[in-house]
């Protein structure tokens, strides 16, 4: 064989072999580069998901706080409105029977005494609002209920002397609460 042909074959083989090696190296490099790019993209995606999640949680928390605040403000407004309506009715009922002499007698007597009262009291506002009132569960609500119980008791018995000792004590407490807060 001709030396030039052999030389050409060797050169071609070396060129083809170098090309194959280069192609394999390029392929492996592309695969490794793609893997690195995928990992980088996955990391960026995960960071974005975490950031979006944190933002969404913050927005939900803020909205919940705003909602809770609005509910509390509405509840307080309702409480004031109910109290305002009931205050007038309590005052009107209280003025029907209260007097300086009754106050003095309640302060000085440990037991029921003769004091007739045949008034009819108004329960209109209380009856309309009592179911809303009890939702507030406070000492003030308990006082209002005890005041209306005082009116019911006095209207039903029509004389303080007809009270039991327990009813009398309850009546006295409600009377003085009413006098200090509603007169």
Protein backbone atom coordinates (compact mmCIF):
# COMPACT_ATOMS: atom_id res chain seq x y z
CA UNK A 1 0.00 0.00 0.00
CA UNK A 2 0.94 3.31 -0.70
CA UNK A 3 2.35 5.25 2.18
CA UNK A 4 0.21 8.21 1.45
CA UNK A 5 -2.95 6.13 1.63
CA UNK A 6 -1.90 4.62 4.93
CA UNK A 7 -0.98 8.05 6.17
CA UNK A 8 -4.37 9.34 5.06
CA UNK A 9 -6.13 6.43 6.75
CA UNK A 10 -4.26 7.00 9.98
CA UNK A 11 -4.93 10.70 9.81
CA UNK A 12 -8.59 10.03 9.04
CA UNK A 13 -8.81 7.49 11.88
CA UNK A 14 -7.20 9.90 14.27
CA UNK A 15 -9.52 12.66 13.07
CA UNK A 16 -12.59 10.41 13.37
CA UNK A 17 -11.40 9.14 16.77
CA UNK A 18 -10.75 12.69 17.91
CA UNK A 19 -14.15 13.68 16.59
CA UNK A 20 -15.83 10.81 18.44
CA UNK A 21 -14.00 11.70 21.63
CA UNK A 22 -14.93 15.33 21.15
CA UNK A 23 -18.55 14.36 20.48
CA UNK A 24 -18.68 12.13 23.56
CA UNK A 25 -17.08 14.86 25.67
CA UNK A 26 -19.52 17.44 24.28
CA UNK A 27 -22.44 15.08 24.95
CA UNK A 28 -21.35 14.44 28.53
CA UNK A 29 -20.72 18.14 29.02
CA UNK A 30 -24.18 18.97 27.68
CA UNK A 31 -25.79 16.37 29.99
CA UNK A 32 -23.90 17.67 33.04
CA UNK A 33 -24.67 21.27 32.09
CA UNK A 34 -28.35 20.38 31.66
CA UNK A 35 -28.38 18.67 35.07
CA UNK A 36 -26.83 21.75 36.67
CA UNK A 37 -29.32 24.00 34.89
CA UNK A 38 -32.25 21.80 36.00
CA UNK A 39 -31.02 21.82 39.61
CA UNK A 40 -30.59 25.58 39.48
CA UNK A 41 -34.08 25.99 38.03
CA UNK A 42 -35.56 23.63 40.65
CA UNK A 43 -33.86 25.62 43.42
CA UNK A 44 -35.16 28.91 41.99
CA UNK A 45 -38.66 27.44 41.63
CA UNK A 46 -38.60 26.12 45.21
CA UNK A 47 -37.44 29.51 46.52
CA UNK A 48 -40.25 31.22 44.56
CA UNK A 49 -42.81 28.76 45.96
CA UNK A 50 -41.56 29.40 49.50
CA UNK A 51 -41.64 33.16 48.95
CA UNK A 52 -45.16 33.01 47.47
CA UNK A 53 -46.32 30.79 50.33
CA UNK A 54 -44.92 33.21 52.93
CA UNK A 55 -46.58 36.13 51.15
CA UNK A 56 -49.92 34.30 50.96
CA UNK A 57 -49.74 33.34 54.66
CA UNK A 58 -48.96 36.95 55.57
CA UNK A 59 -51.88 38.21 53.47
CA UNK A 60 -54.25 35.66 55.01
CA UNK A 61 -53.07 36.55 58.50
CA UNK A 62 -53.50 40.27 57.81
CA UNK A 63 -56.98 39.74 56.36
CA UNK A 64 -57.95 37.59 59.35
CA UNK A 65 -56.70 40.27 61.75
CA UNK A 66 -58.69 42.91 59.85
CA UNK A 67 -61.77 40.70 59.90
CA UNK A 68 -61.37 40.00 63.63
CA UNK A 69 -60.99 43.72 64.28
CA UNK A 70 -64.11 44.54 62.25
CA UNK A 71 -66.09 41.84 64.07
CA UNK A 72 -64.92 43.15 67.46
CA UNK A 73 -65.84 46.72 66.50
CA UNK A 74 -69.28 45.60 65.30
CA UNK A 75 -69.79 43.61 68.48
CA UNK A 76 -68.85 46.61 70.61
CA UNK A 77 -71.18 48.86 68.61
CA UNK A 78 -74.03 46.36 69.04
CA UNK A 79 -73.33 46.18 72.76
CA UNK A 80 -73.46 49.97 73.12
CA UNK A 81 -76.65 50.21 71.07
CA UNK A 82 -78.40 47.48 73.06
CA UNK A 83 -77.27 49.02 76.32
CA UNK A 84 -78.52 52.43 75.20
CA UNK A 85 -82.00 51.11 74.36
CA UNK A 86 -82.24 49.15 77.59
CA UNK A 87 -80.91 52.06 79.71
CA UNK A 88 -83.96 54.18 78.93
CA UNK A 89 -86.36 51.39 79.77
CA UNK A 90 -84.57 50.65 83.05
CA UNK A 91 -84.68 54.33 84.02
CA UNK A 92 -88.38 54.59 83.22
CA UNK A 93 -89.17 51.46 85.22
CA UNK A 94 -86.97 52.48 88.13
CA UNK A 95 -88.55 55.93 88.46
CA UNK A 96 -91.99 54.33 88.77
CA UNK A 97 -91.24 53.01 92.27
CA UNK A 98 -87.96 54.36 93.60
CA UNK A 99 -87.90 57.01 96.26
CA UNK A 100 -85.57 58.40 98.90
CA UNK A 101 -87.55 56.68 101.64
CA UNK A 102 -87.31 53.32 99.86
CA UNK A 103 -83.57 53.75 99.47
CA UNK A 104 -83.16 54.54 103.17
CA UNK A 105 -85.33 51.61 104.20
CA UNK A 106 -83.33 49.23 101.98
CA UNK A 107 -80.08 50.48 103.51
CA UNK A 108 -81.36 50.08 107.08
CA UNK A 109 -83.40 46.86 106.90
CA UNK A 110 -81.93 43.39 106.72
CA UNK A 111 -85.32 41.77 106.18
CA UNK A 112 -88.27 42.43 103.88
CA UNK A 113 -90.57 45.23 105.01
CA UNK A 114 -93.93 46.70 104.09
CA UNK A 115 -93.66 48.62 100.80
CA UNK A 116 -96.50 48.14 98.37
CA UNK A 117 -95.99 48.63 94.67
CA UNK A 118 -98.60 47.85 92.08
CA UNK A 119 -96.91 49.26 89.00
CA UNK A 120 -96.68 47.55 85.67
CA UNK A 121 -93.21 47.77 84.23
CA UNK A 122 -92.15 47.90 80.61
CA UNK A 123 -90.19 44.94 79.22
CA UNK A 124 -90.53 45.73 75.52
CA UNK A 125 -86.87 46.62 74.78
CA UNK A 126 -85.54 43.94 77.08
CA UNK A 127 -87.72 41.23 75.52
CA UNK A 128 -86.66 42.25 72.02
CA UNK A 129 -82.95 42.48 72.83
CA UNK A 130 -82.33 39.92 75.57
CA UNK A 131 -81.20 37.19 73.17
CA UNK A 132 -78.62 39.54 71.69
CA UNK A 133 -77.69 40.86 75.13
CA UNK A 134 -76.79 37.45 76.53
CA UNK A 135 -74.26 36.92 73.73
CA UNK A 136 -71.97 39.45 75.41
CA UNK A 137 -71.48 37.42 78.61
CA UNK A 138 -70.23 40.09 80.97
CA UNK A 139 -70.80 41.26 84.52
CA UNK A 140 -72.73 44.21 83.09
CA UNK A 141 -75.14 41.87 81.30
CA UNK A 142 -75.65 39.94 84.53
CA UNK A 143 -76.47 43.23 86.27
CA UNK A 144 -79.04 44.14 83.61
CA UNK A 145 -80.66 40.72 83.96
CA UNK A 146 -80.77 41.09 87.75
CA UNK A 147 -82.38 44.54 87.38
CA UNK A 148 -85.11 43.14 85.14
CA UNK A 149 -85.55 40.26 87.59
CA UNK A 150 -86.08 42.95 90.26
CA UNK A 151 -88.86 44.50 88.14
CA UNK A 152 -90.48 41.10 87.52
CA UNK A 153 -90.30 40.22 91.21
CA UNK A 154 -91.76 43.53 92.37
CA UNK A 155 -94.51 43.40 89.77
CA UNK A 156 -95.39 39.81 90.65
CA UNK A 157 -95.26 40.15 94.48
CA UNK A 158 -96.46 43.79 94.65
CA UNK A 159 -95.02 44.21 98.15
CA UNK A 160 -91.48 43.85 99.45
CA UNK A 161 -92.73 42.11 102.58
CA UNK A 162 -93.82 39.18 100.37
CA UNK A 163 -90.20 38.53 99.31
CA UNK A 164 -88.17 35.64 100.66
CA UNK A 165 -84.86 36.62 102.26
CA UNK A 166 -83.00 35.53 99.11
CA UNK A 167 -85.35 37.54 96.89
CA UNK A 168 -84.98 40.52 99.20
CA UNK A 169 -81.17 40.41 99.01
CA UNK A 170 -81.32 40.06 95.23
CA UNK A 171 -83.80 42.97 95.08
CA UNK A 172 -81.53 45.18 97.23
CA UNK A 173 -78.47 44.46 95.11
CA UNK A 174 -80.32 45.18 91.89
CA UNK A 175 -81.87 48.33 93.35
CA UNK A 176 -78.48 49.79 94.31
CA UNK A 177 -76.88 48.80 91.00
CA UNK A 178 -79.77 50.46 89.19
CA UNK A 179 -79.50 53.55 91.36
CA UNK A 180 -75.74 53.90 90.89
CA UNK A 181 -75.59 53.18 87.15
CA UNK A 182 -78.91 54.20 85.64
CA UNK A 183 -80.17 57.20 87.58
